[in-house]
Amino acid sequence: MRRGLLVLSGRDVARLIDIRAAIRIVRRAFIAHAEGGASMPSKVYLTVPRGDFRAMPAAMVRPASCGIKWVNVHPANPRRGLPTVMAMILLNDPATGAPLAVMDGLLITKFRTAAAGAVAAARLSPRTAATVGLVGCGAQADAQLDALKAVRPIRTVNVWGYRPGEARAFCARAARRLGLALRPVPTVEACVRGAELVVTLTPSRRPLIRRSWLSPGAHVNAIGADAPGKQELDPAILRDAVVVVDERAQAIHGGEVNVPIRRGQFHPGRIAASLGELLAGRIRLRRRPGQLSVFDSTGLAIHDLALAQAVLARARRRRIGRWIPW
């Protein structure tokens, strides 16, 4: 066996993965984790003066694989011409520990997050959902819409952004490529009223969406809260909804439910299931007609690993990347 490390740039990774493949891979990884076929220790956070880093290890039984993602979040980076989020993924041979590949993890992070939202929407949102409220339109937004298009008949998207002109610029840039009617709106309320599917993508530390704004039966993909202290939803939304998480311990620590749980506004026992448990048939939802649903997404290392493993396999077949002997 040839010994060495395959190095894949962000451009290499973009040639080797697409959103539809990501949805299939992420769905399988959810089920594998629920059935005990994957190991995923908790994220490790490292706070530095201008941001934070997260170390995210994982291993899977089939295909046998293990690795770690090292990802940063630095909110002031755009002023320096850098992405807010950057990442690297290292894959090892679980049998020997030998390093197999190191690759840029930015697109994988973007695609696995969007794919998890799509898998949740396919299970929880109205089948005919055609209107999306997109709360936040940063780097993750276009992938989220691409993924939702693959599972629901999306036609119209209301878009709200933090900064003046941000939503309008996103709509002008993305409408033609996405093939959707994108409509910038001035307030969060205008964004979510009437939407059958709401996606939140902000770093907010206070609730942005009120319970009274959501339509009966609406589904919310709560994506932005991925660290302790972050919160985008009125706790009354969680109390009225069927709440599904990507992983219980991680969500309680740093997901959308973390602040309401700490303040006694939501009890962890009211989490209905993890998405993997639903997909594997281990838990059946009880949902009233017109009841809201919320997917609390924190981002799982098993998804990074599963996508990185698929990228590595394709790179080997197509001989893409730089080989470094060791």
Protein backbone atom coordinates (compact mmCIF):
# COMPACT_ATOMS: atom_id res chain seq x y z
CA MET A 1 0.00 0.00 0.00
CA ARG A 2 1.28 3.42 -0.95
CA ARG A 3 2.19 5.39 2.17
CA GLY A 4 1.68 9.09 2.32
CA LEU A 5 -0.65 11.99 2.99
CA LEU A 6 -3.09 13.33 0.41
CA VAL A 7 -3.55 17.11 0.64
CA LEU A 8 -6.77 18.54 -0.80
CA SER A 9 -7.39 22.26 -1.21
CA GLY A 10 -10.78 23.92 -1.06
CA ARG A 11 -10.83 23.95 -4.85
CA ASP A 12 -10.09 20.20 -4.91
CA VAL A 13 -12.92 19.50 -2.47
CA ALA A 14 -15.37 21.52 -4.58
CA ARG A 15 -14.68 19.18 -7.51
CA LEU A 16 -15.41 16.12 -5.42
CA ILE A 17 -18.71 16.77 -3.60
CA ASP A 18 -22.17 18.19 -4.35
CA ILE A 19 -25.17 19.00 -2.18
CA ARG A 20 -27.35 16.04 -3.25
CA ALA A 21 -24.59 13.58 -2.45
CA ALA A 22 -24.04 15.40 0.85
CA ILE A 23 -27.71 14.93 1.80
CA ARG A 24 -27.52 11.17 1.17
CA ILE A 25 -24.26 10.81 3.10
CA VAL A 26 -25.43 12.91 6.06
CA ARG A 27 -28.70 10.98 6.31
CA ARG A 28 -26.80 7.68 6.48
CA ALA A 29 -24.47 9.12 9.13
CA PHE A 30 -27.43 10.19 11.30
CA ILE A 31 -28.74 6.61 11.22
CA ALA A 32 -25.32 5.06 11.84
CA HIS A 33 -24.86 7.20 14.92
CA ALA A 34 -28.33 6.30 16.27
CA GLU A 35 -27.60 2.60 15.74
CA GLY A 36 -24.25 2.68 17.51
CA GLY A 37 -22.10 2.58 14.39
CA ALA A 38 -20.28 5.83 15.11
CA SER A 39 -18.37 7.44 17.97
CA MET A 40 -18.39 11.18 18.56
CA PRO A 41 -16.93 12.74 21.72
CA SER A 42 -18.15 16.20 22.67
CA LYS A 43 -16.74 19.26 20.94
CA VAL A 44 -13.80 20.90 22.66
CA TYR A 45 -13.92 24.71 22.66
CA LEU A 46 -10.87 26.94 22.79
CA THR A 47 -11.65 30.63 23.29
CA VAL A 48 -9.16 33.24 22.10
CA PRO A 49 -9.46 37.05 22.26
CA ARG A 50 -11.10 37.53 18.85
CA GLY A 51 -12.97 34.26 18.38
CA ASP A 52 -12.93 30.59 19.19
CA PHE A 53 -11.80 27.21 17.91
CA ARG A 54 -13.59 23.86 18.10
CA ALA A 55 -11.94 20.43 17.94
CA MET A 56 -14.39 17.82 16.65
CA PRO A 57 -13.24 14.15 16.59
CA ALA A 58 -15.30 11.24 15.27
CA ALA A 59 -15.02 7.61 14.15
CA MET A 60 -17.30 5.33 12.12
CA VAL A 61 -17.53 1.55 11.83
CA ARG A 62 -18.60 1.39 8.15
CA PRO A 63 -16.59 2.45 6.32
CA ALA A 64 -13.93 2.15 9.01
CA SER A 65 -12.70 5.70 9.43
CA CYS A 66 -11.67 8.27 11.97
CA GLY A 67 -10.64 11.89 11.94
CA ILE A 68 -10.89 15.31 13.47
CA LYS A 69 -12.01 18.74 12.31
CA TRP A 70 -10.32 21.88 13.61
CA VAL A 71 -12.62 24.82 12.94
CA ASN A 72 -12.57 28.48 13.95
CA VAL A 73 -15.22 31.18 14.26
CA HIS A 74 -13.84 34.73 14.10
CA PRO A 75 -16.72 37.23 13.55
CA ALA A 76 -14.45 40.18 12.65
CA ASN A 77 -12.66 38.30 9.86
CA PRO A 78 -14.66 39.76 6.93
CA ARG A 79 -13.15 43.17 7.72
CA ARG A 80 -9.77 41.54 7.10
CA GLY A 81 -10.84 39.87 3.89
CA LEU A 82 -11.07 36.43 5.52
CA PRO A 83 -14.03 34.06 6.04
CA THR A 84 -15.67 34.10 9.47
CA VAL A 85 -15.37 30.31 9.58
CA MET A 86 -12.40 28.26 8.37
CA ALA A 87 -11.67 24.61 8.92
CA MET A 88 -9.27 21.74 8.29
CA ILE A 89 -10.07 18.02 8.46
CA LEU A 90 -7.49 15.31 9.16
CA LEU A 91 -8.33 11.67 8.36
CA ASN A 92 -6.45 8.71 9.83
CA ASP A 93 -6.46 4.96 9.30
CA PRO A 94 -8.28 3.69 12.45
CA ALA A 95 -6.40 0.37 12.30
CA THR A 96 -2.91 1.88 12.41
CA GLY A 97 -3.30 5.57 13.18
CA ALA A 98 -1.49 6.46 9.96
CA PRO A 99 -2.51 9.87 8.57
CA LEU A 100 -4.35 9.50 5.25
CA ALA A 101 -5.45 12.97 4.20
CA VAL A 102 -5.70 16.58 5.25
CA MET A 103 -8.24 18.75 3.47
CA ASP A 104 -9.82 22.16 3.57
CA GLY A 105 -13.00 21.80 5.63
CA LEU A 106 -14.88 24.99 4.75
CA LEU A 107 -17.07 23.59 1.97
CA ILE A 108 -17.59 20.33 3.85
CA THR A 109 -18.77 22.32 6.88
CA LYS A 110 -21.11 24.34 4.69
CA PHE A 111 -22.52 21.31 2.90
CA ARG A 112 -22.93 19.08 5.96
CA THR A 113 -24.79 21.86 7.80
CA ALA A 114 -27.11 22.45 4.87
CA ALA A 115 -27.59 18.73 4.32
CA ALA A 116 -28.55 18.17 7.97
CA GLY A 117 -31.17 20.92 7.63
CA ALA A 118 -32.51 19.30 4.47
CA VAL A 119 -32.73 15.88 6.11
CA ALA A 120 -34.64 17.45 9.02
CA ALA A 121 -36.97 19.36 6.67
CA ALA A 122 -37.68 16.18 4.71
CA ARG A 123 -38.78 14.48 7.94
CA LEU A 124 -40.50 17.35 9.78
CA SER A 125 -41.68 20.16 7.47
CA PRO A 126 -44.96 20.22 5.50
CA ARG A 127 -44.57 18.15 2.33
CA THR A 128 -45.91 21.01 0.21
CA ALA A 129 -43.75 23.71 1.84
CA ALA A 130 -43.12 26.31 -0.84
CA THR A 131 -42.27 29.44 1.18
CA VAL A 132 -39.09 29.84 3.24
CA GLY A 133 -38.20 32.54 5.72
CA LEU A 134 -34.40 32.90 5.67
CA VAL A 135 -33.27 34.76 8.79
CA GLY A 136 -29.65 35.63 8.08
CA CYS A 137 -27.99 35.54 4.67
CA GLY A 138 -24.28 34.99 5.28
CA ALA A 139 -21.93 32.37 3.88
CA GLN A 140 -24.20 29.43 4.76
CA ALA A 141 -27.38 30.81 3.15
CA ASP A 142 -27.04 29.69 -0.48
CA ALA A 143 -26.16 26.10 0.50
CA GLN A 144 -29.16 25.95 2.84
CA LEU A 145 -31.51 26.91 0.01
CA ASP A 146 -29.83 24.54 -2.45
CA ALA A 147 -30.33 21.68 -0.01
CA LEU A 148 -33.96 22.57 0.79
CA LYS A 149 -34.76 22.68 -2.93
CA ALA A 150 -33.72 19.03 -3.13
CA VAL A 151 -36.35 17.90 -0.60
CA ARG A 152 -39.23 20.39 -0.84
CA PRO A 153 -40.98 22.30 -3.69
CA ILE A 154 -39.53 25.65 -2.63
CA ARG A 155 -40.58 28.60 -4.79
CA THR A 156 -40.43 31.78 -2.68
CA VAL A 157 -37.88 32.89 -0.08
CA ASN A 158 -38.17 35.92 2.19
CA VAL A 159 -34.66 37.06 3.16
CA TRP A 160 -33.60 39.17 6.13
CA GLY A 161 -30.05 40.27 6.91
CA TYR A 162 -28.41 42.09 9.82
CA ARG A 163 -26.69 44.83 7.88
CA PRO A 164 -28.43 47.40 5.66
CA GLY A 165 -28.51 46.18 2.07
CA GLU A 166 -27.24 42.69 2.96
CA ALA A 167 -30.47 40.88 2.06
CA ARG A 168 -30.90 42.85 -1.16
CA ALA A 169 -27.34 42.07 -2.24
CA PHE A 170 -27.79 38.37 -1.46
CA CYS A 171 -31.04 38.19 -3.43
CA ALA A 172 -29.52 39.94 -6.44
CA ARG A 173 -26.52 37.62 -6.38
CA ALA A 174 -28.27 34.30 -5.72
CA ALA A 175 -31.70 34.47 -7.38
CA ARG A 176 -30.63 33.38 -10.86
CA ARG A 177 -28.32 30.63 -9.67
CA LEU A 178 -30.86 29.17 -7.25
CA GLY A 179 -33.83 29.54 -9.59
CA LEU A 180 -36.01 30.89 -6.76
CA ALA A 181 -38.01 34.05 -6.14
CA LEU A 182 -35.90 35.75 -3.47
CA ARG A 183 -37.47 38.74 -1.71
CA PRO A 184 -35.49 40.98 0.67
CA VAL A 185 -37.56 42.13 3.65
CA PRO A 186 -36.81 44.82 6.26
CA THR A 187 -37.74 42.94 9.46
CA VAL A 188 -37.50 39.46 10.94
CA GLU A 189 -41.27 39.48 11.44
CA ALA A 190 -41.87 40.10 7.72
CA CYS A 191 -39.39 37.32 6.97
CA VAL A 192 -41.11 34.57 8.94
CA ARG A 193 -44.82 35.49 8.78
CA GLY A 194 -46.55 33.10 6.39
CA ALA A 195 -43.44 30.94 5.91
CA GLU A 196 -43.97 27.19 6.07
CA LEU A 197 -40.27 26.59 6.63
CA VAL A 198 -38.01 28.96 8.59
CA VAL A 199 -34.20 28.80 8.65
CA THR A 200 -32.21 30.81 11.20
CA LEU A 201 -28.56 31.47 10.42
CA THR A 202 -27.42 34.19 12.81
CA PRO A 203 -24.92 34.39 15.70
CA SER A 204 -27.58 36.03 17.88
CA ARG A 205 -27.49 35.87 21.67
CA ARG A 206 -31.06 37.04 22.09
CA PRO A 207 -34.35 35.77 20.62
CA LEU A 208 -35.07 37.16 17.17
CA ILE A 209 -38.30 35.28 16.35
CA ARG A 210 -41.48 35.52 18.39
CA ARG A 211 -43.95 32.68 18.78
CA SER A 212 -46.86 34.79 17.49
CA TRP A 213 -45.16 35.31 14.12
CA LEU A 214 -45.08 31.61 13.15
CA SER A 215 -47.84 29.96 11.13
CA PRO A 216 -49.57 26.79 12.40
CA GLY A 217 -47.58 23.70 11.42
CA ALA A 218 -44.47 25.68 10.46
CA HIS A 219 -41.08 24.01 10.77
CA VAL A 220 -37.95 25.83 11.99
CA ASN A 221 -34.39 24.77 11.24
CA ALA A 222 -32.48 26.52 14.04
CA ILE A 223 -28.93 26.56 12.70
CA GLY A 224 -27.21 29.60 14.18
CA ALA A 225 -26.96 28.61 17.85
CA ASP A 226 -23.91 26.37 17.95
CA ALA A 227 -22.17 27.49 21.15
CA PRO A 228 -23.14 28.28 24.75
CA GLY A 229 -25.03 31.57 25.11
CA LYS A 230 -26.36 31.69 21.55
CA GLN A 231 -30.13 31.89 21.02
CA GLU A 232 -32.40 32.82 18.10
CA LEU A 233 -35.90 31.68 19.13
CA ASP A 234 -38.44 32.84 21.69
CA PRO A 235 -38.53 30.00 24.29
CA ALA A 236 -42.31 29.89 23.85
CA ILE A 237 -41.65 28.46 20.37
CA LEU A 238 -39.76 25.53 21.91
CA ARG A 239 -42.49 24.92 24.49
CA ASP A 240 -45.17 24.79 21.78
CA ALA A 241 -43.15 22.71 19.30
CA VAL A 242 -41.98 19.18 18.76
CA VAL A 243 -38.25 19.71 19.34
CA VAL A 244 -35.78 17.43 17.56
CA VAL A 245 -32.02 17.81 18.01
CA ASP A 246 -29.04 16.57 16.05
CA GLU A 247 -27.41 15.23 19.25
CA ARG A 248 -28.82 15.63 22.76
CA ALA A 249 -25.74 16.42 24.86
CA GLN A 250 -24.31 18.80 22.30
CA ALA A 251 -27.64 20.63 21.87
CA ILE A 252 -28.13 21.02 25.63
CA HIS A 253 -24.59 22.40 25.92
CA GLY A 254 -24.58 24.81 23.00
CA GLY A 255 -27.64 24.50 20.76
CA GLU A 256 -30.81 26.55 20.51
CA VAL A 257 -32.10 24.93 23.69
CA ASN A 258 -29.03 25.77 25.79
CA VAL A 259 -30.08 29.19 27.10
CA PRO A 260 -33.75 28.31 27.78
CA ILE A 261 -32.67 25.17 29.65
CA ARG A 262 -30.18 27.11 31.78
CA ARG A 263 -32.85 29.71 32.62
CA GLY A 264 -35.55 27.16 33.41
CA GLN A 265 -37.63 28.14 30.36
CA PHE A 266 -37.45 24.72 28.71
CA HIS A 267 -36.89 21.28 30.23
CA PRO A 268 -34.46 18.90 28.47
CA GLY A 269 -36.98 16.11 28.98
CA ARG A 270 -39.18 17.84 26.41
CA ILE A 271 -36.70 17.10 23.62
CA ALA A 272 -38.73 14.64 21.55
CA ALA A 273 -35.88 12.82 19.82
CA SER A 274 -32.63 13.11 17.98
CA LEU A 275 -32.99 13.17 14.21
CA GLY A 276 -31.02 9.94 13.95
CA GLU A 277 -33.45 8.20 16.33
CA LEU A 278 -36.34 9.26 14.11
CA LEU A 279 -34.67 8.16 10.89
CA ALA A 280 -33.67 4.81 12.39
CA GLY A 281 -37.25 4.23 13.60
CA ARG A 282 -36.22 4.09 17.25
CA ILE A 283 -38.65 6.85 18.28
CA ARG A 284 -42.02 7.80 16.80
CA LEU A 285 -43.19 11.38 17.00
CA ARG A 286 -46.49 12.39 18.49
CA ARG A 287 -47.48 15.64 16.84
CA ARG A 288 -50.76 17.51 17.10
CA PRO A 289 -52.35 18.92 13.93
CA GLY A 290 -50.87 22.35 13.31
CA GLN A 291 -48.12 21.91 15.90
CA LEU A 292 -44.79 23.59 15.24
CA SER A 293 -41.58 21.62 14.85
CA VAL A 294 -38.01 22.74 15.53
CA PHE A 295 -34.76 21.10 14.48
CA ASP A 296 -31.90 22.22 16.74
CA SER A 297 -28.74 21.85 14.66
CA THR A 298 -25.34 22.20 16.33
CA GLY A 299 -23.17 20.53 13.69
CA LEU A 300 -21.91 16.97 14.10
CA ALA A 301 -18.38 15.71 13.61
CA ILE A 302 -19.70 12.42 12.22
CA HIS A 303 -21.09 14.37 9.26
CA ASP A 304 -17.75 16.07 8.64
CA LEU A 305 -16.06 12.69 8.81
CA ALA A 306 -18.55 10.96 6.51
CA LEU A 307 -18.28 13.67 3.86
CA ALA A 308 -14.49 13.84 4.17
CA GLN A 309 -14.26 10.07 3.74
CA ALA A 310 -16.39 10.29 0.57
CA VAL A 311 -14.18 13.12 -0.72
CA LEU A 312 -11.06 11.08 -0.05
CA ALA A 313 -12.43 8.04 -1.88
CA ARG A 314 -13.35 10.14 -4.92
CA ALA A 315 -10.00 11.94 -4.87
CA ARG A 316 -8.16 8.63 -4.95
CA ARG A 317 -10.24 7.36 -7.88
CA ARG A 318 -9.80 10.58 -9.85
CA ARG A 319 -6.21 11.22 -8.73
CA ILE A 320 -6.96 14.69 -7.43
CA GLY A 321 -4.82 16.38 -4.78
CA ARG A 322 -1.18 16.57 -3.80
CA TRP A 323 0.50 13.39 -2.54
CA ILE A 324 3.15 13.78 0.17
CA PRO A 325 5.09 10.57 1.01
CA TRP A 326 5.90 9.91 4.63
